[in-house]
Amino acid sequence: MEQQMNEWSRVLHARRWMKQTESFLPLWHGYIGYKYGLFDALQGGASFAEMTLRLKQPLTKLALERWLEVGVAVRHLKKRGWRYFPTRSLKYQLSHEDERSIGFMLQEMMELHIPALIAYPDFLESGKQKTFDGATHGQVVAQTSTLVETVAFPVVQQLLRQADVKTMLDIGCGHGGYLRKLHGLEPEWKLTGIDLEEDVIAEAREQDESGDIRYEVADFMEWDHEDRFDAVMMNNMLYYFSPEKRIELLERMLENLEASGVAVLVTPLAETPLGSRFASAFNAFMTLHDNLHPLPTIRELRRQMQQVGFENIRFIPFIPEGSWYIVIAERGN
């Protein structure tokens, strides 16, 4: 009797674990559909033959058939007769043609984060870390940052206005989203953005219709210039710096500020009340790479900022469940 109970217990636990993997299937299906433009090929409805004619590249027939079957099962697609239709929300969410698309986020998760975490056993056994390739992943990471930017921007703008900012430097500016939005609302401000990746800066310049924002390809730690700014901002960059190098980064930010200037950091932080799941997974990913570093805690970052001379440091949560904070600090006397 006891053995039979144990067997049933194993079955129930196995079923629970299997149920947890179900949430991965829609993610996988959405990623494949976005990557190969399959949802776009089904816009307005299409049979299998019609879809293959609309595709930009030939794909394996059997694999496409299975993808369609899974799409119906996870309710990404509807089948009417011989024709398949994307559900209403996926028509734009995972389209390459719609500005509301968030397919790039799925691409980052499936091509960057999940493969890295699956490779964790190799790291556990060998201790060998990988090297994060910013040139390969820079565009997708920059696109994902725009989602955070949308939520953070109203708070950032208010903080900058309160600090009476007229000049600002955005370090690691990506595609220049913050700078363009600020210029649209504060056209008299002098705005500068720098980034390591040439293709990212090229995209930022292309998106800047005004031509008034100054963009440069530069490493902030080695950037040779004479300007000082009312505000120096950095978005989602702290994990590129070790705790020791972070001190140098903060010192460099302080040096680039006017006497009454402010530093603004938009960043996830570790060991926060609501975002521990996200931050711990984020830190596991960082630890897998020899050129990335774990997120600091609020206490650690406050201590480091005070150490280099920042004062009146505030931590403002804006996506608590993701452990995202806006940190603003004044240059001390």
C-alpha atoms as a PDB file:
ATOM      1  CA  MET A   1       0.000   0.000   0.000  1.00  0.00           C
ATOM      2  CA  GLU A   2       2.794   2.413   0.943  1.00  0.00           C
ATOM      3  CA  GLN A   3       4.643   1.698  -2.328  1.00  0.00           C
ATOM      4  CA  GLN A   4       1.481   2.410  -4.320  1.00  0.00           C
ATOM      5  CA  MET A   5       0.987   5.701  -2.464  1.00  0.00           C
ATOM      6  CA  ASN A   6       4.582   6.691  -3.234  1.00  0.00           C
ATOM      7  CA  GLU A   7       4.070   5.924  -6.927  1.00  0.00           C
ATOM      8  CA  TRP A   8       0.952   8.071  -7.069  1.00  0.00           C
ATOM      9  CA  SER A   9       2.755  10.834  -5.211  1.00  0.00           C
ATOM     10  CA  ARG A  10       5.518  10.744  -7.848  1.00  0.00           C
ATOM     11  CA  VAL A  11       2.936  10.954 -10.627  1.00  0.00           C
ATOM     12  CA  LEU A  12       1.216  13.967  -9.040  1.00  0.00           C
ATOM     13  CA  HIS A  13       4.510  15.803  -8.535  1.00  0.00           C
ATOM     14  CA  ALA A  14       5.545  14.998 -12.113  1.00  0.00           C
ATOM     15  CA  ARG A  15       2.238  16.372 -13.417  1.00  0.00           C
ATOM     16  CA  ARG A  16       2.756  19.619 -11.473  1.00  0.00           C
ATOM     17  CA  TRP A  17       6.214  20.076 -12.976  1.00  0.00           C
ATOM     18  CA  MET A  18       4.880  19.303 -16.440  1.00  0.00           C
ATOM     19  CA  LYS A  19       2.113  21.875 -15.964  1.00  0.00           C
ATOM     20  CA  GLN A  20       4.744  24.508 -15.175  1.00  0.00           C
ATOM     21  CA  THR A  21       6.442  23.904 -18.532  1.00  0.00           C
ATOM     22  CA  GLU A  22       3.213  24.712 -20.398  1.00  0.00           C
ATOM     23  CA  SER A  23       3.907  28.432 -20.071  1.00  0.00           C
ATOM     24  CA  PHE A  24       7.071  27.981 -22.160  1.00  0.00           C
ATOM     25  CA  LEU A  25       5.154  26.748 -25.220  1.00  0.00           C
ATOM     26  CA  PRO A  26       3.401  30.078 -26.054  1.00  0.00           C
ATOM     27  CA  LEU A  27       6.740  31.876 -25.594  1.00  0.00           C
ATOM     28  CA  TRP A  28       8.473  29.475 -27.997  1.00  0.00           C
ATOM     29  CA  HIS A  29       5.637  29.691 -30.526  1.00  0.00           C
ATOM     30  CA  GLY A  30       5.520  33.481 -30.382  1.00  0.00           C
ATOM     31  CA  TYR A  31       9.286  33.761 -30.783  1.00  0.00           C
ATOM     32  CA  ILE A  32       9.362  31.489 -33.860  1.00  0.00           C
ATOM     33  CA  GLY A  33       6.433  33.351 -35.403  1.00  0.00           C
ATOM     34  CA  TYR A  34       8.068  36.728 -34.847  1.00  0.00           C
ATOM     35  CA  LYS A  35      11.572  35.694 -35.953  1.00  0.00           C
ATOM     36  CA  TYR A  36      10.416  34.327 -39.317  1.00  0.00           C
ATOM     37  CA  GLY A  37       7.547  36.751 -39.948  1.00  0.00           C
ATOM     38  CA  LEU A  38       4.930  34.009 -39.745  1.00  0.00           C
ATOM     39  CA  PHE A  39       2.296  36.173 -38.045  1.00  0.00           C
ATOM     40  CA  ASP A  40       2.772  38.810 -40.758  1.00  0.00           C
ATOM     41  CA  ALA A  41       2.383  36.110 -43.425  1.00  0.00           C
ATOM     42  CA  LEU A  42      -0.972  35.149 -41.873  1.00  0.00           C
ATOM     43  CA  GLN A  43      -2.372  38.693 -41.683  1.00  0.00           C
ATOM     44  CA  GLY A  44      -5.933  38.703 -42.987  1.00  0.00           C
ATOM     45  CA  GLY A  45      -5.935  34.900 -42.952  1.00  0.00           C
ATOM     46  CA  ALA A  46      -4.069  32.469 -45.170  1.00  0.00           C
ATOM     47  CA  SER A  47      -3.985  28.808 -46.091  1.00  0.00           C
ATOM     48  CA  PHE A  48      -0.733  26.907 -45.677  1.00  0.00           C
ATOM     49  CA  ALA A  49       0.090  27.401 -49.353  1.00  0.00           C
ATOM     50  CA  GLU A  50      -0.722  31.116 -49.240  1.00  0.00           C
ATOM     51  CA  MET A  51       1.410  31.602 -46.141  1.00  0.00           C
ATOM     52  CA  THR A  52       4.455  29.953 -47.728  1.00  0.00           C
ATOM     53  CA  LEU A  53       4.131  32.223 -50.773  1.00  0.00           C
ATOM     54  CA  ARG A  54       4.158  35.302 -48.528  1.00  0.00           C
ATOM     55  CA  LEU A  55       7.270  34.281 -46.572  1.00  0.00           C
ATOM     56  CA  LYS A  56      10.535  36.090 -47.222  1.00  0.00           C
ATOM     57  CA  GLN A  57      12.517  32.840 -47.160  1.00  0.00           C
ATOM     58  CA  PRO A  58      11.717  29.168 -47.802  1.00  0.00           C
ATOM     59  CA  LEU A  59      11.076  27.150 -44.643  1.00  0.00           C
ATOM     60  CA  THR A  60      10.656  23.430 -43.981  1.00  0.00           C
ATOM     61  CA  LYS A  61       7.095  22.307 -44.762  1.00  0.00           C
ATOM     62  CA  LEU A  62       6.755  19.815 -41.899  1.00  0.00           C
ATOM     63  CA  ALA A  63       8.124  22.267 -39.327  1.00  0.00           C
ATOM     64  CA  LEU A  64       5.665  24.923 -40.496  1.00  0.00           C
ATOM     65  CA  GLU A  65       2.758  22.484 -40.220  1.00  0.00           C
ATOM     66  CA  ARG A  66       3.725  21.665 -36.619  1.00  0.00           C
ATOM     67  CA  TRP A  67       4.065  25.379 -35.826  1.00  0.00           C
ATOM     68  CA  LEU A  68       0.538  25.993 -37.090  1.00  0.00           C
ATOM     69  CA  GLU A  69      -0.809  23.093 -34.990  1.00  0.00           C
ATOM     70  CA  VAL A  70       0.862  24.446 -31.854  1.00  0.00           C
ATOM     71  CA  GLY A  71      -0.474  27.924 -32.628  1.00  0.00           C
ATOM     72  CA  VAL A  72      -4.039  26.656 -32.620  1.00  0.00           C
ATOM     73  CA  ALA A  73      -3.407  24.668 -29.415  1.00  0.00           C
ATOM     74  CA  VAL A  74      -2.005  27.669 -27.502  1.00  0.00           C
ATOM     75  CA  ARG A  75      -4.676  29.962 -28.992  1.00  0.00           C
ATOM     76  CA  HIS A  76      -2.276  32.171 -30.902  1.00  0.00           C
ATOM     77  CA  LEU A  77      -4.049  31.150 -34.115  1.00  0.00           C
ATOM     78  CA  LYS A  78      -7.589  30.362 -35.185  1.00  0.00           C
ATOM     79  CA  LYS A  79      -8.367  27.892 -37.955  1.00  0.00           C
ATOM     80  CA  ARG A  80     -11.384  28.338 -40.185  1.00  0.00           C
ATOM     81  CA  GLY A  81     -11.582  25.729 -42.905  1.00  0.00           C
ATOM     82  CA  TRP A  82      -8.169  25.686 -44.564  1.00  0.00           C
ATOM     83  CA  ARG A  83      -7.207  29.170 -43.435  1.00  0.00           C
ATOM     84  CA  TYR A  84      -5.309  30.308 -40.334  1.00  0.00           C
ATOM     85  CA  PHE A  85      -5.731  33.703 -38.618  1.00  0.00           C
ATOM     86  CA  PRO A  86      -3.598  35.304 -35.875  1.00  0.00           C
ATOM     87  CA  THR A  87      -5.617  36.246 -32.803  1.00  0.00           C
ATOM     88  CA  ARG A  88      -6.475  39.929 -32.575  1.00  0.00           C
ATOM     89  CA  SER A  89      -3.738  40.954 -30.130  1.00  0.00           C
ATOM     90  CA  LEU A  90      -0.980  39.002 -31.888  1.00  0.00           C
ATOM     91  CA  LYS A  91      -1.682  40.787 -35.160  1.00  0.00           C
ATOM     92  CA  TYR A  92       0.400  43.662 -33.805  1.00  0.00           C
ATOM     93  CA  GLN A  93       2.204  42.286 -30.729  1.00  0.00           C
ATOM     94  CA  LEU A  94       4.412  39.930 -32.753  1.00  0.00           C
ATOM     95  CA  SER A  95       4.494  41.711 -36.094  1.00  0.00           C
ATOM     96  CA  HIS A  96       7.572  43.151 -37.787  1.00  0.00           C
ATOM     97  CA  GLU A  97       5.370  45.749 -39.455  1.00  0.00           C
ATOM     98  CA  ASP A  98       3.633  47.308 -36.442  1.00  0.00           C
ATOM     99  CA  GLU A  99       5.252  49.886 -34.129  1.00  0.00           C
ATOM    100  CA  ARG A 100       3.369  48.354 -31.177  1.00  0.00           C
ATOM    101  CA  SER A 101       5.235  45.054 -31.586  1.00  0.00           C
ATOM    102  CA  ILE A 102       7.105  43.588 -28.614  1.00  0.00           C
ATOM    103  CA  GLY A 103       8.521  40.611 -30.529  1.00  0.00           C
ATOM    104  CA  PHE A 104      12.070  41.831 -29.923  1.00  0.00           C
ATOM    105  CA  MET A 105      11.591  41.130 -26.209  1.00  0.00           C
ATOM    106  CA  LEU A 106      10.784  37.485 -26.959  1.00  0.00           C
ATOM    107  CA  GLN A 107      13.821  37.368 -29.234  1.00  0.00           C
ATOM    108  CA  GLU A 108      16.081  38.644 -26.440  1.00  0.00           C
ATOM    109  CA  MET A 109      14.680  36.099 -23.980  1.00  0.00           C
ATOM    110  CA  MET A 110      14.923  33.130 -26.375  1.00  0.00           C
ATOM    111  CA  GLU A 111      18.277  33.953 -27.973  1.00  0.00           C
ATOM    112  CA  LEU A 112      20.104  35.484 -25.037  1.00  0.00           C
ATOM    113  CA  HIS A 113      18.745  34.845 -21.547  1.00  0.00           C
ATOM    114  CA  ILE A 114      17.207  31.374 -21.735  1.00  0.00           C
ATOM    115  CA  PRO A 115      20.127  29.730 -23.628  1.00  0.00           C
ATOM    116  CA  ALA A 116      22.529  31.211 -21.090  1.00  0.00           C
ATOM    117  CA  LEU A 117      20.571  29.818 -18.138  1.00  0.00           C
ATOM    118  CA  ILE A 118      20.252  26.411 -19.828  1.00  0.00           C
ATOM    119  CA  ALA A 119      24.048  26.401 -20.128  1.00  0.00           C
ATOM    120  CA  TYR A 120      24.365  26.819 -16.335  1.00  0.00           C
ATOM    121  CA  PRO A 121      25.397  23.159 -15.753  1.00  0.00           C
ATOM    122  CA  ASP A 122      28.524  23.731 -17.853  1.00  0.00           C
ATOM    123  CA  PHE A 123      29.414  26.728 -15.706  1.00  0.00           C
ATOM    124  CA  LEU A 124      28.739  24.776 -12.495  1.00  0.00           C
ATOM    125  CA  GLU A 125      31.050  21.967 -13.596  1.00  0.00           C
ATOM    126  CA  SER A 126      33.845  23.877 -15.320  1.00  0.00           C
ATOM    127  CA  GLY A 127      33.655  27.353 -13.816  1.00  0.00           C
ATOM    128  CA  LYS A 128      34.293  28.757 -17.302  1.00  0.00           C
ATOM    129  CA  GLN A 129      32.368  31.898 -18.110  1.00  0.00           C
ATOM    130  CA  LYS A 130      31.200  33.099 -21.513  1.00  0.00           C
ATOM    131  CA  THR A 131      31.828  36.565 -22.947  1.00  0.00           C
ATOM    132  CA  PHE A 132      28.792  38.713 -23.635  1.00  0.00           C
ATOM    133  CA  ASP A 133      28.912  40.014 -27.211  1.00  0.00           C
ATOM    134  CA  GLY A 134      27.489  43.529 -27.148  1.00  0.00           C
ATOM    135  CA  ALA A 135      27.955  43.999 -30.888  1.00  0.00           C
ATOM    136  CA  THR A 136      25.750  40.968 -31.646  1.00  0.00           C
ATOM    137  CA  HIS A 137      23.015  41.681 -29.108  1.00  0.00           C
ATOM    138  CA  GLY A 138      23.232  45.481 -28.843  1.00  0.00           C
ATOM    139  CA  GLN A 139      20.318  46.276 -31.155  1.00  0.00           C
ATOM    140  CA  VAL A 140      17.873  43.892 -29.468  1.00  0.00           C
ATOM    141  CA  VAL A 141      18.909  45.014 -25.965  1.00  0.00           C
ATOM    142  CA  ALA A 142      18.448  48.644 -27.035  1.00  0.00           C
ATOM    143  CA  GLN A 143      14.946  47.849 -28.306  1.00  0.00           C
ATOM    144  CA  THR A 144      14.002  46.101 -25.054  1.00  0.00           C
ATOM    145  CA  SER A 145      15.243  49.102 -23.087  1.00  0.00           C
ATOM    146  CA  THR A 146      12.588  51.218 -24.816  1.00  0.00           C
ATOM    147  CA  LEU A 147       9.894  49.330 -22.860  1.00  0.00           C
ATOM    148  CA  VAL A 148      11.461  50.348 -19.540  1.00  0.00           C
ATOM    149  CA  GLU A 149      12.010  53.837 -20.916  1.00  0.00           C
ATOM    150  CA  THR A 150       8.272  54.309 -21.549  1.00  0.00           C
ATOM    151  CA  VAL A 151       7.500  53.729 -17.860  1.00  0.00           C
ATOM    152  CA  ALA A 152      10.499  55.618 -16.480  1.00  0.00           C
ATOM    153  CA  PHE A 153      10.417  58.693 -18.687  1.00  0.00           C
ATOM    154  CA  PRO A 154       7.635  60.732 -16.988  1.00  0.00           C
ATOM    155  CA  VAL A 155       9.396  60.368 -13.625  1.00  0.00           C
ATOM    156  CA  VAL A 156      12.825  61.140 -15.112  1.00  0.00           C
ATOM    157  CA  GLN A 157      11.498  64.251 -16.853  1.00  0.00           C
ATOM    158  CA  GLN A 158       9.909  65.536 -13.645  1.00  0.00           C
ATOM    159  CA  LEU A 159      13.129  64.976 -11.665  1.00  0.00           C
ATOM    160  CA  LEU A 160      15.218  66.782 -14.296  1.00  0.00           C
ATOM    161  CA  ARG A 161      12.834  69.754 -14.335  1.00  0.00           C
ATOM    162  CA  GLN A 162      12.966  69.977 -10.545  1.00  0.00           C
ATOM    163  CA  ALA A 163      16.771  70.070 -10.805  1.00  0.00           C
ATOM    164  CA  ASP A 164      16.556  72.974 -13.296  1.00  0.00           C
ATOM    165  CA  VAL A 165      18.522  71.049 -15.928  1.00  0.00           C
ATOM    166  CA  LYS A 166      19.529  72.734 -19.194  1.00  0.00           C
ATOM    167  CA  THR A 167      22.274  70.365 -20.405  1.00  0.00           C
ATOM    168  CA  MET A 168      22.363  66.574 -20.138  1.00  0.00           C
ATOM    169  CA  LEU A 169      24.558  63.641 -21.080  1.00  0.00           C
ATOM    170  CA  ASP A 170      23.011  60.184 -21.613  1.00  0.00           C
ATOM    171  CA  ILE A 171      25.649  57.452 -21.177  1.00  0.00           C
ATOM    172  CA  GLY A 172      24.872  54.308 -23.178  1.00  0.00           C
ATOM    173  CA  CYS A 173      22.046  56.171 -24.876  1.00  0.00           C
ATOM    174  CA  GLY A 174      20.991  53.286 -27.139  1.00  0.00           C
ATOM    175  CA  HIS A 175      18.616  54.476 -29.851  1.00  0.00           C
ATOM    176  CA  GLY A 176      18.207  57.830 -28.085  1.00  0.00           C
ATOM    177  CA  GLY A 177      14.644  57.385 -26.850  1.00  0.00           C
ATOM    178  CA  TYR A 178      15.048  59.443 -23.671  1.00  0.00           C
ATOM    179  CA  LEU A 179      16.869  62.199 -25.552  1.00  0.00           C
ATOM    180  CA  ARG A 180      14.267  62.469 -28.328  1.00  0.00           C
ATOM    181  CA  LYS A 181      11.395  62.611 -25.854  1.00  0.00           C
ATOM    182  CA  LEU A 182      13.186  65.228 -23.756  1.00  0.00           C
ATOM    183  CA  HIS A 183      13.973  67.307 -26.839  1.00  0.00           C
ATOM    184  CA  GLY A 184      10.332  67.205 -27.878  1.00  0.00           C
ATOM    185  CA  LEU A 185       9.263  68.633 -24.511  1.00  0.00           C
ATOM    186  CA  GLU A 186      12.329  70.752 -23.704  1.00  0.00           C
ATOM    187  CA  PRO A 187      13.659  71.888 -27.104  1.00  0.00           C
ATOM    188  CA  GLU A 188      15.977  74.485 -25.555  1.00  0.00           C
ATOM    189  CA  TRP A 189      17.960  71.884 -23.591  1.00  0.00           C
ATOM    190  CA  LYS A 190      21.342  70.847 -24.982  1.00  0.00           C
ATOM    191  CA  LEU A 191      21.373  67.046 -25.115  1.00  0.00           C
ATOM    192  CA  THR A 192      24.239  64.645 -25.769  1.00  0.00           C
ATOM    193  CA  GLY A 193      24.209  60.854 -26.096  1.00  0.00           C
ATOM    194  CA  ILE A 194      27.133  58.437 -26.279  1.00  0.00           C
ATOM    195  CA  ASP A 195      27.222  54.688 -26.883  1.00  0.00           C
ATOM    196  CA  LEU A 196      29.901  52.084 -27.580  1.00  0.00           C
ATOM    197  CA  GLU A 197      28.185  50.500 -30.573  1.00  0.00           C
ATOM    198  CA  GLU A 198      28.436  52.268 -33.935  1.00  0.00           C
ATOM    199  CA  ASP A 199      25.287  50.672 -35.365  1.00  0.00           C
ATOM    200  CA  VAL A 200      23.288  51.722 -32.302  1.00  0.00           C
ATOM    201  CA  ILE A 201      24.429  55.346 -32.632  1.00  0.00           C
ATOM    202  CA  ALA A 202      23.713  55.206 -36.371  1.00  0.00           C
ATOM    203  CA  GLU A 203      20.125  54.178 -35.578  1.00  0.00           C
ATOM    204  CA  ALA A 204      19.833  56.937 -32.947  1.00  0.00           C
ATOM    205  CA  ARG A 205      20.946  59.558 -35.480  1.00  0.00           C
ATOM    206  CA  GLU A 206      18.522  58.210 -38.062  1.00  0.00           C
ATOM    207  CA  GLN A 207      15.607  58.415 -35.621  1.00  0.00           C
ATOM    208  CA  ASP A 208      16.498  61.986 -34.597  1.00  0.00           C
ATOM    209  CA  GLU A 209      14.491  64.002 -37.117  1.00  0.00           C
ATOM    210  CA  SER A 210      15.420  67.308 -35.459  1.00  0.00           C
ATOM    211  CA  GLY A 211      19.184  66.889 -35.881  1.00  0.00           C
ATOM    212  CA  ASP A 212      19.620  68.919 -32.683  1.00  0.00           C
ATOM    213  CA  ILE A 213      20.799  66.068 -30.453  1.00  0.00           C
ATOM    214  CA  ARG A 214      24.526  65.401 -30.366  1.00  0.00           C
ATOM    215  CA  TYR A 215      25.490  61.736 -30.674  1.00  0.00           C
ATOM    216  CA  GLU A 216      28.955  60.204 -30.390  1.00  0.00           C
ATOM    217  CA  VAL A 217      30.414  56.704 -30.503  1.00  0.00           C
ATOM    218  CA  ALA A 218      32.485  56.677 -27.326  1.00  0.00           C
ATOM    219  CA  ASP A 219      33.506  54.775 -24.206  1.00  0.00           C
ATOM    220  CA  PHE A 220      32.469  57.040 -21.339  1.00  0.00           C
ATOM    221  CA  MET A 221      35.449  55.972 -19.224  1.00  0.00           C
ATOM    222  CA  GLU A 222      37.852  57.131 -21.949  1.00  0.00           C
ATOM    223  CA  TRP A 223      35.804  59.909 -23.555  1.00  0.00           C
ATOM    224  CA  ASP A 224      37.974  62.993 -24.125  1.00  0.00           C
ATOM    225  CA  HIS A 225      35.932  66.216 -23.929  1.00  0.00           C
ATOM    226  CA  GLU A 226      35.723  69.468 -21.988  1.00  0.00           C
ATOM    227  CA  ASP A 227      31.962  69.768 -21.412  1.00  0.00           C
ATOM    228  CA  ARG A 228      30.249  69.699 -18.033  1.00  0.00           C
ATOM    229  CA  PHE A 229      26.544  68.908 -17.701  1.00  0.00           C
ATOM    230  CA  ASP A 230      23.643  69.780 -15.417  1.00  0.00           C
ATOM    231  CA  ALA A 231      22.665  66.107 -15.485  1.00  0.00           C
ATOM    232  CA  VAL A 232      24.431  62.878 -16.343  1.00  0.00           C
ATOM    233  CA  MET A 233      22.130  59.918 -16.932  1.00  0.00           C
ATOM    234  CA  MET A 234      22.774  56.202 -17.291  1.00  0.00           C
ATOM    235  CA  ASN A 235      20.110  53.658 -18.166  1.00  0.00           C
ATOM    236  CA  ASN A 236      20.513  49.943 -17.404  1.00  0.00           C
ATOM    237  CA  MET A 237      24.325  49.924 -17.495  1.00  0.00           C
ATOM    238  CA  LEU A 238      25.603  49.139 -13.986  1.00  0.00           C
ATOM    239  CA  TYR A 239      26.075  45.432 -14.686  1.00  0.00           C
ATOM    240  CA  TYR A 240      28.837  46.232 -17.183  1.00  0.00           C
ATOM    241  CA  PHE A 241      31.003  47.392 -14.270  1.00  0.00           C
ATOM    242  CA  SER A 242      32.536  45.371 -11.444  1.00  0.00           C
ATOM    243  CA  PRO A 243      32.065  46.806  -7.918  1.00  0.00           C
ATOM    244  CA  GLU A 244      35.587  48.249  -8.130  1.00  0.00           C
ATOM    245  CA  LYS A 245      35.072  49.737 -11.599  1.00  0.00           C
ATOM    246  CA  ARG A 246      31.672  51.040 -10.483  1.00  0.00           C
ATOM    247  CA  ILE A 247      33.482  53.370  -8.088  1.00  0.00           C
ATOM    248  CA  GLU A 248      35.505  54.715 -11.021  1.00  0.00           C
ATOM    249  CA  LEU A 249      32.312  55.064 -13.079  1.00  0.00           C
ATOM    250  CA  LEU A 250      30.579  57.067 -10.347  1.00  0.00           C
ATOM    251  CA  GLU A 251      33.672  59.254  -9.914  1.00  0.00           C
ATOM    252  CA  ARG A 252      33.688  59.891 -13.665  1.00  0.00           C
ATOM    253  CA  MET A 253      29.991  60.805 -13.574  1.00  0.00           C
ATOM    254  CA  LEU A 254      30.676  63.232 -10.732  1.00  0.00           C
ATOM    255  CA  GLU A 255      33.546  64.830 -12.677  1.00  0.00           C
ATOM    256  CA  ASN A 256      31.238  65.446 -15.670  1.00  0.00           C
ATOM    257  CA  LEU A 257      28.691  67.362 -13.611  1.00  0.00           C
ATOM    258  CA  GLU A 258      28.392  71.068 -13.040  1.00  0.00           C
ATOM    259  CA  ALA A 259      28.696  72.171  -9.406  1.00  0.00           C
ATOM    260  CA  SER A 260      24.936  71.872  -8.832  1.00  0.00           C
ATOM    261  CA  GLY A 261      24.429  68.927 -11.193  1.00  0.00           C
ATOM    262  CA  VAL A 262      22.567  65.657 -10.640  1.00  0.00           C
ATOM    263  CA  ALA A 263      23.213  62.060 -11.605  1.00  0.00           C
ATOM    264  CA  VAL A 264      20.273  59.893 -12.703  1.00  0.00           C
ATOM    265  CA  LEU A 265      20.523  56.107 -12.865  1.00  0.00           C
ATOM    266  CA  VAL A 266      17.729  53.920 -14.244  1.00  0.00           C
ATOM    267  CA  THR A 267      18.594  50.391 -13.160  1.00  0.00           C
ATOM    268  CA  PRO A 268      17.408  47.133 -11.636  1.00  0.00           C
ATOM    269  CA  LEU A 269      18.777  46.468  -8.149  1.00  0.00           C
ATOM    270  CA  ALA A 270      19.268  43.300  -6.121  1.00  0.00           C
ATOM    271  CA  GLU A 271      17.541  42.137  -2.917  1.00  0.00           C
ATOM    272  CA  THR A 272      14.545  44.449  -3.185  1.00  0.00           C
ATOM    273  CA  PRO A 273      11.215  43.671  -1.460  1.00  0.00           C
ATOM    274  CA  LEU A 274       9.119  42.858  -4.558  1.00  0.00           C
ATOM    275  CA  GLY A 275      11.580  42.134  -7.371  1.00  0.00           C
ATOM    276  CA  SER A 276      13.688  39.324  -5.918  1.00  0.00           C
ATOM    277  CA  ARG A 277      12.731  36.757  -8.591  1.00  0.00           C
ATOM    278  CA  PHE A 278      13.693  39.002 -11.478  1.00  0.00           C
ATOM    279  CA  ALA A 279      16.874  40.287  -9.847  1.00  0.00           C
ATOM    280  CA  SER A 280      18.093  36.826  -8.836  1.00  0.00           C
ATOM    281  CA  ALA A 281      17.565  35.458 -12.375  1.00  0.00           C
ATOM    282  CA  PHE A 282      19.238  38.567 -13.779  1.00  0.00           C
ATOM    283  CA  ASN A 283      22.246  38.051 -11.506  1.00  0.00           C
ATOM    284  CA  ALA A 284      22.499  34.372 -12.474  1.00  0.00           C
ATOM    285  CA  PHE A 285      22.699  35.471 -16.116  1.00  0.00           C
ATOM    286  CA  MET A 286      25.340  38.099 -15.312  1.00  0.00           C
ATOM    287  CA  THR A 287      27.496  35.622 -13.396  1.00  0.00           C
ATOM    288  CA  LEU A 288      27.642  33.373 -16.465  1.00  0.00           C
ATOM    289  CA  HIS A 289      29.646  36.053 -18.312  1.00  0.00           C
ATOM    290  CA  ASP A 290      33.162  37.269 -17.635  1.00  0.00           C
ATOM    291  CA  ASN A 291      32.377  40.805 -18.789  1.00  0.00           C
ATOM    292  CA  LEU A 292      29.095  41.274 -16.861  1.00  0.00           C
ATOM    293  CA  HIS A 293      28.602  41.697 -13.126  1.00  0.00           C
ATOM    294  CA  PRO A 294      25.818  41.143 -10.552  1.00  0.00           C
ATOM    295  CA  LEU A 295      23.491  43.996  -9.693  1.00  0.00           C
ATOM    296  CA  PRO A 296      24.250  46.006  -6.557  1.00  0.00           C
ATOM    297  CA  THR A 297      21.818  46.251  -3.670  1.00  0.00           C
ATOM    298  CA  ILE A 298      20.348  49.590  -2.626  1.00  0.00           C
ATOM    299  CA  ARG A 299      22.670  49.623   0.366  1.00  0.00           C
ATOM    300  CA  GLU A 300      25.765  48.891  -1.746  1.00  0.00           C
ATOM    301  CA  LEU A 301      24.975  51.514  -4.372  1.00  0.00           C
ATOM    302  CA  ARG A 302      24.152  54.161  -1.762  1.00  0.00           C
ATOM    303  CA  ARG A 303      27.462  53.511   0.009  1.00  0.00           C
ATOM    304  CA  GLN A 304      29.436  53.730  -3.248  1.00  0.00           C
ATOM    305  CA  MET A 305      27.728  56.950  -4.319  1.00  0.00           C
ATOM    306  CA  GLN A 306      28.376  58.530  -0.929  1.00  0.00           C
ATOM    307  CA  GLN A 307      31.977  57.373  -1.071  1.00  0.00           C
ATOM    308  CA  VAL A 308      32.692  59.342  -4.274  1.00  0.00           C
ATOM    309  CA  GLY A 309      30.873  62.478  -3.106  1.00  0.00           C
ATOM    310  CA  PHE A 310      27.189  62.289  -4.046  1.00  0.00           C
ATOM    311  CA  GLU A 311      24.600  63.643  -1.619  1.00  0.00           C
ATOM    312  CA  ASN A 312      20.807  63.524  -1.141  1.00  0.00           C
ATOM    313  CA  ILE A 313      20.565  60.126  -2.826  1.00  0.00           C
ATOM    314  CA  ARG A 314      17.012  58.926  -3.519  1.00  0.00           C
ATOM    315  CA  PHE A 315      15.808  55.521  -4.722  1.00  0.00           C
ATOM    316  CA  ILE A 316      12.453  55.663  -6.505  1.00  0.00           C
ATOM    317  CA  PRO A 317      10.839  52.329  -7.518  1.00  0.00           C
ATOM    318  CA  PHE A 318       8.914  52.494 -10.799  1.00  0.00           C
ATOM    319  CA  ILE A 319       8.576  48.804 -11.762  1.00  0.00           C
ATOM    320  CA  PRO A 320       8.698  47.190  -8.298  1.00  0.00           C
ATOM    321  CA  GLU A 321       7.955  43.633  -9.488  1.00  0.00           C
ATOM    322  CA  GLY A 322      10.959  43.888 -11.840  1.00  0.00           C
ATOM    323  CA  SER A 323      13.163  45.501  -9.189  1.00  0.00           C
ATOM    324  CA  TRP A 324      13.606  48.624 -11.349  1.00  0.00           C
ATOM    325  CA  TYR A 325      14.560  51.919  -9.701  1.00  0.00           C
ATOM    326  CA  ILE A 326      15.341  55.497 -10.650  1.00  0.00           C
ATOM    327  CA  VAL A 327      18.234  56.768  -8.538  1.00  0.00           C
ATOM    328  CA  ILE A 328      18.894  60.497  -8.383  1.00  0.00           C
ATOM    329  CA  ALA A 329      21.733  62.138  -6.480  1.00  0.00           C
ATOM    330  CA  GLU A 330      23.253  65.603  -6.232  1.00  0.00           C
ATOM    331  CA  ARG A 331      26.896  66.440  -6.649  1.00  0.00           C
ATOM    332  CA  GLY A 332      28.245  67.188  -3.174  1.00  0.00           C
ATOM    333  CA  ASN A 333      30.286  70.209  -2.212  1.00  0.00           C
END
